[in-house]
N, C-alpha and C. Protein backbone atom coordinates (compact mmCIF):
# COMPACT_ATOMS: atom_id res chain seq x y z
N ASP A 1 98.47 122.47 25.13
CA ASP A 1 98.90 123.18 23.94
C ASP A 1 100.17 122.53 23.39
N THR A 2 100.76 123.14 22.41
CA THR A 2 101.92 122.54 21.77
C THR A 2 103.21 123.29 22.10
N ARG A 3 103.26 123.93 23.24
CA ARG A 3 104.43 124.73 23.57
C ARG A 3 105.70 123.90 23.73
N LEU A 4 105.57 122.62 24.04
CA LEU A 4 106.75 121.77 24.20
C LEU A 4 107.01 120.89 22.98
N HIS A 5 106.11 120.94 22.01
CA HIS A 5 106.22 120.11 20.80
C HIS A 5 105.77 120.94 19.62
N GLY A 6 106.25 120.61 18.44
CA GLY A 6 105.82 121.31 17.24
C GLY A 6 104.40 120.92 16.87
N GLY A 7 103.85 121.62 15.91
CA GLY A 7 102.52 121.29 15.41
C GLY A 7 101.53 122.39 15.63
N ARG A 8 100.35 122.18 15.06
CA ARG A 8 99.28 123.16 15.19
C ARG A 8 98.75 123.19 16.62
N ALA A 9 98.31 124.36 17.01
CA ALA A 9 97.69 124.50 18.33
C ALA A 9 96.34 123.77 18.31
N PRO A 10 96.03 123.03 19.36
CA PRO A 10 94.75 122.31 19.38
C PRO A 10 93.59 123.25 19.70
N LEU A 11 92.40 122.79 19.38
CA LEU A 11 91.18 123.47 19.79
C LEU A 11 91.09 123.39 21.31
N ARG A 12 90.83 124.52 21.94
CA ARG A 12 90.63 124.54 23.40
C ARG A 12 89.13 124.53 23.66
N ILE A 13 88.71 123.77 24.64
CA ILE A 13 87.30 123.71 25.02
C ILE A 13 87.22 123.90 26.52
N ALA A 14 86.30 124.76 26.97
CA ALA A 14 86.13 124.98 28.41
C ALA A 14 84.66 125.09 28.74
N TYR A 15 84.29 124.54 29.88
CA TYR A 15 82.96 124.75 30.45
C TYR A 15 83.06 125.94 31.37
N ASP A 16 82.20 126.91 31.15
CA ASP A 16 82.17 128.12 31.99
C ASP A 16 80.72 128.50 32.20
N ARG A 17 79.96 127.57 32.73
CA ARG A 17 78.50 127.70 32.85
C ARG A 17 78.07 129.03 33.46
N ALA A 18 78.77 129.49 34.48
CA ALA A 18 78.36 130.72 35.18
C ALA A 18 79.10 131.95 34.68
N GLY A 19 79.97 131.80 33.68
CA GLY A 19 80.72 132.94 33.19
C GLY A 19 81.76 133.45 34.18
N ASN A 20 82.38 132.52 34.91
CA ASN A 20 83.34 132.89 35.96
C ASN A 20 84.78 133.02 35.49
N LEU A 21 85.09 132.62 34.25
CA LEU A 21 86.46 132.77 33.79
C LEU A 21 86.84 134.25 33.80
N PRO A 22 87.93 134.61 34.45
CA PRO A 22 88.33 136.02 34.46
C PRO A 22 88.64 136.49 33.04
N PRO A 23 88.31 137.72 32.71
CA PRO A 23 88.55 138.21 31.35
C PRO A 23 90.03 138.19 30.95
N THR A 24 90.92 138.14 31.93
CA THR A 24 92.35 138.11 31.64
C THR A 24 92.89 136.69 31.49
N HIS A 25 92.04 135.68 31.66
CA HIS A 25 92.48 134.29 31.59
C HIS A 25 92.92 133.96 30.17
N HIS A 26 93.97 133.13 30.04
CA HIS A 26 94.51 132.80 28.72
C HIS A 26 93.50 132.14 27.80
N LEU A 27 92.50 131.46 28.34
CA LEU A 27 91.48 130.85 27.48
C LEU A 27 90.66 131.90 26.74
N LEU A 28 90.67 133.12 27.23
CA LEU A 28 89.92 134.19 26.59
C LEU A 28 90.83 135.17 25.84
N ASP A 29 92.03 134.70 25.44
CA ASP A 29 92.94 135.61 24.73
C ASP A 29 92.68 135.67 23.23
N ASP A 30 91.80 134.82 22.70
CA ASP A 30 91.37 134.82 21.30
C ASP A 30 92.53 134.57 20.33
N THR A 31 93.61 133.93 20.80
CA THR A 31 94.75 133.70 19.93
C THR A 31 94.62 132.43 19.11
N ILE A 32 93.87 131.44 19.62
CA ILE A 32 93.64 130.20 18.88
C ILE A 32 92.18 129.81 19.02
N GLU A 33 91.76 128.86 18.19
CA GLU A 33 90.36 128.44 18.22
C GLU A 33 89.99 127.91 19.61
N THR A 34 88.91 128.45 20.15
CA THR A 34 88.47 128.09 21.50
C THR A 34 86.95 128.03 21.51
N TRP A 35 86.41 126.97 22.11
CA TRP A 35 84.97 126.85 22.33
C TRP A 35 84.73 127.02 23.82
N ILE A 36 83.90 127.98 24.16
CA ILE A 36 83.51 128.20 25.56
C ILE A 36 82.04 127.84 25.68
N PHE A 37 81.74 126.85 26.51
CA PHE A 37 80.35 126.48 26.78
C PHE A 37 79.92 127.27 28.01
N GLY A 38 79.27 128.38 27.73
CA GLY A 38 78.84 129.30 28.77
C GLY A 38 78.34 130.58 28.12
N PRO A 39 78.03 131.57 28.92
CA PRO A 39 77.42 132.79 28.38
C PRO A 39 78.36 133.56 27.45
N GLN A 40 77.76 134.20 26.46
CA GLN A 40 78.50 135.04 25.52
C GLN A 40 79.14 136.21 26.28
N ARG A 41 80.36 136.52 25.93
CA ARG A 41 81.07 137.66 26.52
C ARG A 41 81.07 138.80 25.51
N PRO A 42 81.02 140.04 25.99
CA PRO A 42 81.13 141.16 25.05
C PRO A 42 82.53 141.19 24.44
N GLY A 43 82.61 141.64 23.20
CA GLY A 43 83.90 141.76 22.55
C GLY A 43 83.83 141.36 21.11
N ASP A 44 84.92 141.59 20.40
CA ASP A 44 85.05 141.25 18.99
C ASP A 44 85.84 139.95 18.88
N TRP A 45 85.15 138.84 19.01
CA TRP A 45 85.79 137.54 19.05
C TRP A 45 85.98 137.00 17.63
N GLN A 46 87.19 136.61 17.31
CA GLN A 46 87.49 136.04 16.00
C GLN A 46 87.65 134.52 16.06
N ARG A 47 88.31 134.04 17.10
CA ARG A 47 88.61 132.61 17.21
C ARG A 47 87.93 131.95 18.40
N THR A 48 87.26 132.74 19.21
CA THR A 48 86.59 132.22 20.40
C THR A 48 85.09 132.20 20.15
N HIS A 49 84.50 131.03 20.34
CA HIS A 49 83.07 130.84 20.07
C HIS A 49 82.38 130.42 21.36
N PHE A 50 81.29 131.09 21.65
CA PHE A 50 80.53 130.82 22.87
C PHE A 50 79.26 130.06 22.52
N GLN A 51 78.92 129.10 23.36
CA GLN A 51 77.69 128.34 23.18
C GLN A 51 76.94 128.32 24.50
N SER A 52 75.72 128.78 24.46
CA SER A 52 74.90 128.84 25.66
C SER A 52 74.67 127.44 26.22
N LEU A 53 74.63 127.35 27.53
CA LEU A 53 74.35 126.08 28.21
C LEU A 53 73.00 126.18 28.91
N GLU A 54 71.94 126.19 28.13
CA GLU A 54 70.61 126.24 28.75
C GLU A 54 70.34 124.96 29.54
N ASN A 55 70.83 123.85 28.99
CA ASN A 55 70.74 122.57 29.68
C ASN A 55 72.15 122.05 29.85
N ARG A 56 72.30 121.01 30.61
CA ARG A 56 73.60 120.39 30.80
C ARG A 56 74.09 119.84 29.46
N LEU A 57 75.33 120.10 29.12
CA LEU A 57 75.92 119.56 27.90
C LEU A 57 76.29 118.11 28.16
N GLU A 58 75.69 117.23 27.39
CA GLU A 58 75.98 115.81 27.54
C GLU A 58 77.20 115.45 26.71
N ILE A 59 77.99 114.51 27.20
CA ILE A 59 79.22 114.12 26.52
C ILE A 59 78.94 113.66 25.08
N PRO A 60 77.92 112.82 24.83
CA PRO A 60 77.67 112.45 23.43
C PRO A 60 77.38 113.65 22.52
N ASP A 61 76.71 114.68 23.06
CA ASP A 61 76.45 115.89 22.27
C ASP A 61 77.75 116.60 21.93
N LEU A 62 78.65 116.71 22.90
CA LEU A 62 79.95 117.34 22.66
C LEU A 62 80.73 116.56 21.61
N LEU A 63 80.74 115.24 21.73
CA LEU A 63 81.48 114.42 20.77
C LEU A 63 80.90 114.55 19.37
N GLN A 64 79.57 114.69 19.27
CA GLN A 64 78.93 114.89 17.97
C GLN A 64 79.37 116.22 17.36
N GLN A 65 79.41 117.27 18.17
CA GLN A 65 79.85 118.58 17.69
C GLN A 65 81.30 118.52 17.21
N LEU A 66 82.13 117.81 17.94
CA LEU A 66 83.53 117.67 17.54
C LEU A 66 83.65 116.90 16.22
N ALA A 67 82.85 115.85 16.07
CA ALA A 67 82.87 115.08 14.82
C ALA A 67 82.42 115.95 13.65
N GLU A 68 81.38 116.75 13.86
CA GLU A 68 80.89 117.63 12.80
C GLU A 68 81.92 118.69 12.43
N ALA A 69 82.77 119.08 13.39
CA ALA A 69 83.84 120.05 13.14
C ALA A 69 85.11 119.36 12.65
N ARG A 70 85.03 118.05 12.41
CA ARG A 70 86.15 117.25 11.90
C ARG A 70 87.34 117.22 12.86
N LYS A 71 87.04 117.16 14.15
CA LYS A 71 88.05 117.02 15.19
C LYS A 71 88.08 115.54 15.56
N SER A 72 89.25 114.91 15.47
CA SER A 72 89.28 113.46 15.59
C SER A 72 89.83 112.93 16.92
N SER A 73 90.43 113.78 17.73
CA SER A 73 90.91 113.30 19.02
C SER A 73 90.68 114.37 20.07
N LEU A 74 90.59 113.93 21.31
CA LEU A 74 90.27 114.83 22.41
C LEU A 74 91.09 114.43 23.62
N LEU A 75 91.79 115.39 24.19
CA LEU A 75 92.51 115.21 25.45
C LEU A 75 91.69 115.91 26.51
N VAL A 76 91.24 115.17 27.51
CA VAL A 76 90.40 115.74 28.56
C VAL A 76 91.25 115.93 29.81
N GLU A 77 91.35 117.15 30.24
CA GLU A 77 91.99 117.48 31.51
C GLU A 77 90.91 118.18 32.32
N GLY A 78 90.44 117.54 33.34
CA GLY A 78 89.34 118.14 34.08
C GLY A 78 89.34 117.67 35.51
N GLY A 79 88.37 118.17 36.22
CA GLY A 79 88.16 117.73 37.58
C GLY A 79 87.47 116.38 37.60
N ALA A 80 87.26 115.88 38.79
CA ALA A 80 86.69 114.55 38.96
C ALA A 80 85.32 114.41 38.29
N LEU A 81 84.47 115.44 38.37
CA LEU A 81 83.13 115.36 37.78
C LEU A 81 83.20 115.24 36.27
N VAL A 82 84.00 116.08 35.63
CA VAL A 82 84.12 116.03 34.17
C VAL A 82 84.71 114.69 33.73
N LEU A 83 85.78 114.27 34.38
CA LEU A 83 86.39 112.99 34.02
C LEU A 83 85.42 111.83 34.19
N GLN A 84 84.67 111.83 35.29
CA GLN A 84 83.73 110.75 35.55
C GLN A 84 82.63 110.69 34.49
N GLN A 85 82.21 111.86 33.98
CA GLN A 85 81.19 111.88 32.93
C GLN A 85 81.71 111.19 31.66
N PHE A 86 82.96 111.42 31.29
CA PHE A 86 83.52 110.74 30.12
C PHE A 86 83.63 109.24 30.37
N LEU A 87 84.06 108.85 31.56
CA LEU A 87 84.17 107.43 31.89
C LEU A 87 82.81 106.76 31.86
N ASP A 88 81.80 107.40 32.48
CA ASP A 88 80.45 106.83 32.52
C ASP A 88 79.86 106.67 31.12
N ALA A 89 80.20 107.60 30.22
CA ALA A 89 79.70 107.54 28.84
C ALA A 89 80.47 106.54 28.00
N GLY A 90 81.54 105.95 28.56
CA GLY A 90 82.37 105.04 27.79
C GLY A 90 83.13 105.77 26.69
N ALA A 91 83.31 107.07 26.85
CA ALA A 91 83.93 107.91 25.82
C ALA A 91 85.42 108.10 26.11
N TRP A 92 86.14 107.01 26.10
CA TRP A 92 87.58 107.08 26.33
C TRP A 92 88.26 105.90 25.66
N ASP A 93 89.49 106.13 25.22
CA ASP A 93 90.33 105.08 24.66
C ASP A 93 91.55 104.84 25.52
N GLU A 94 92.04 105.92 26.16
CA GLU A 94 93.25 105.81 26.97
C GLU A 94 93.10 106.66 28.22
N ILE A 95 93.60 106.14 29.33
CA ILE A 95 93.62 106.87 30.59
C ILE A 95 95.06 106.90 31.08
N ARG A 96 95.50 108.06 31.51
CA ARG A 96 96.82 108.20 32.14
C ARG A 96 96.59 108.68 33.57
N VAL A 97 97.01 107.87 34.50
CA VAL A 97 96.88 108.19 35.92
C VAL A 97 98.25 108.63 36.40
N ILE A 98 98.34 109.86 36.87
CA ILE A 98 99.61 110.41 37.35
C ILE A 98 99.51 110.55 38.86
N THR A 99 100.42 109.89 39.57
CA THR A 99 100.43 109.90 41.02
C THR A 99 101.71 110.58 41.51
N GLY A 100 101.53 111.60 42.32
CA GLY A 100 102.66 112.33 42.88
C GLY A 100 103.07 111.75 44.22
N PRO A 101 104.19 112.18 44.75
CA PRO A 101 104.71 111.63 46.00
C PRO A 101 103.95 112.10 47.24
N GLY A 102 103.24 113.20 47.16
CA GLY A 102 102.54 113.73 48.33
C GLY A 102 101.21 113.03 48.56
N ALA A 103 100.75 113.11 49.80
CA ALA A 103 99.47 112.52 50.16
C ALA A 103 98.47 113.65 50.44
N LEU A 104 97.29 113.54 49.84
CA LEU A 104 96.22 114.51 50.11
C LEU A 104 95.38 113.97 51.24
N ARG A 105 95.04 114.81 52.17
CA ARG A 105 94.29 114.36 53.34
C ARG A 105 92.79 114.56 53.18
N ASN A 106 92.40 115.46 52.29
CA ASN A 106 90.97 115.66 52.05
C ASN A 106 90.80 116.23 50.64
N GLY A 107 89.57 116.36 50.22
CA GLY A 107 89.30 116.86 48.87
C GLY A 107 88.35 115.93 48.14
N VAL A 108 88.30 116.09 46.84
CA VAL A 108 87.40 115.29 46.00
C VAL A 108 88.11 114.01 45.60
N VAL A 109 87.41 112.89 45.72
CA VAL A 109 87.98 111.60 45.34
C VAL A 109 88.09 111.53 43.82
N ALA A 110 89.23 111.07 43.34
CA ALA A 110 89.46 110.93 41.90
C ALA A 110 88.60 109.81 41.34
N PRO A 111 88.24 109.90 40.06
CA PRO A 111 87.52 108.79 39.43
C PRO A 111 88.37 107.52 39.44
N ARG A 112 87.71 106.40 39.44
CA ARG A 112 88.40 105.11 39.40
C ARG A 112 88.57 104.66 37.96
N VAL A 113 89.65 103.98 37.68
CA VAL A 113 89.84 103.39 36.36
C VAL A 113 88.76 102.33 36.19
N PRO A 114 88.03 102.35 35.08
CA PRO A 114 86.92 101.41 34.89
C PRO A 114 87.38 99.95 34.91
N ALA A 115 86.51 99.09 35.40
CA ALA A 115 86.77 97.66 35.37
C ALA A 115 86.97 97.24 33.92
N GLY A 116 87.89 96.36 33.70
CA GLY A 116 88.13 95.88 32.34
C GLY A 116 89.16 96.70 31.59
N ALA A 117 89.60 97.83 32.15
CA ALA A 117 90.65 98.61 31.49
C ALA A 117 91.93 97.79 31.52
N ARG A 118 92.69 97.85 30.46
CA ARG A 118 93.92 97.07 30.34
C ARG A 118 95.12 97.98 30.62
N ARG A 119 95.90 97.65 31.65
CA ARG A 119 97.09 98.43 31.98
C ARG A 119 98.20 98.09 30.99
N LEU A 120 98.68 99.11 30.29
CA LEU A 120 99.73 98.90 29.29
C LEU A 120 101.12 99.08 29.85
N GLU A 121 101.28 100.12 30.67
CA GLU A 121 102.62 100.40 31.18
C GLU A 121 102.56 101.32 32.38
N GLY A 122 103.66 101.36 33.08
CA GLY A 122 103.86 102.29 34.17
C GLY A 122 105.29 102.80 34.09
N PHE A 123 105.49 104.08 34.35
CA PHE A 123 106.85 104.63 34.26
C PHE A 123 106.96 105.87 35.13
N GLY A 124 108.18 106.17 35.52
CA GLY A 124 108.44 107.35 36.32
C GLY A 124 108.59 108.57 35.42
N ALA A 125 108.14 109.71 35.94
CA ALA A 125 108.30 111.00 35.26
C ALA A 125 108.64 112.01 36.34
N GLY A 126 109.91 112.26 36.53
CA GLY A 126 110.33 113.10 37.65
C GLY A 126 110.00 112.39 38.94
N GLU A 127 109.29 113.07 39.83
CA GLU A 127 108.88 112.46 41.10
C GLU A 127 107.55 111.74 40.99
N ASP A 128 106.91 111.80 39.83
CA ASP A 128 105.58 111.20 39.64
C ASP A 128 105.69 109.79 39.07
N TRP A 129 104.59 109.04 39.23
CA TRP A 129 104.45 107.73 38.62
C TRP A 129 103.26 107.81 37.67
N VAL A 130 103.45 107.35 36.43
CA VAL A 130 102.42 107.41 35.40
C VAL A 130 102.03 105.99 35.02
N GLU A 131 100.71 105.72 35.02
CA GLU A 131 100.19 104.44 34.55
C GLU A 131 99.29 104.72 33.36
N VAL A 132 99.43 103.89 32.32
CA VAL A 132 98.65 104.06 31.10
C VAL A 132 97.72 102.87 30.95
N PHE A 133 96.45 103.15 30.76
CA PHE A 133 95.42 102.13 30.59
C PHE A 133 94.73 102.33 29.25
N HIS A 134 94.36 101.22 28.61
CA HIS A 134 93.57 101.28 27.37
C HIS A 134 92.25 100.56 27.57
N SER A 135 91.30 100.95 26.77
CA SER A 135 90.00 100.31 26.80
C SER A 135 90.08 98.96 26.09
N ASN A 136 89.30 98.01 26.55
CA ASN A 136 89.26 96.70 25.90
C ASN A 136 88.21 96.65 24.79
N ARG A 137 87.39 97.69 24.66
CA ARG A 137 86.38 97.66 23.62
C ARG A 137 86.98 98.13 22.31
N PRO A 138 86.38 97.75 21.20
CA PRO A 138 86.92 98.18 19.91
C PRO A 138 86.86 99.69 19.76
N LYS A 139 87.88 100.27 19.12
CA LYS A 139 87.88 101.72 18.87
C LYS A 139 86.70 102.10 17.99
N TYR A 140 86.15 103.28 18.28
CA TYR A 140 85.05 103.87 17.52
C TYR A 140 83.83 102.99 17.50
N ALA A 141 83.62 102.22 18.56
CA ALA A 141 82.45 101.35 18.64
C ALA A 141 81.21 102.15 18.93
């Protein structure tokens, strides 16, 4: 969101295939435009739109919907599966890898930066290290 910077609030998008988001979750507060890919919830929704997921939502389909809604950029914050789907589809221009000082001993392996990605910079942010990569393919190809 834009809580640390000025500007319009961005469109929020969430996958909630099983309808597990708690009703008190901020994504369901109806304060800004939100797309929920999952079952319709009861209520008088003004800014929150639900879309059934009868089949798996493919990344190109999501990008097409965003283009039709005149949304020109997308920040993806997700788990390894969601991130890997965007990488596999080649649907990325920039990757930021944030590494903290702690070591995880188990869990889900993070996606790998694709071969051919160009590292632009690395910098410290508090105790974290941030690396920025760009795609070598032409934008909007």
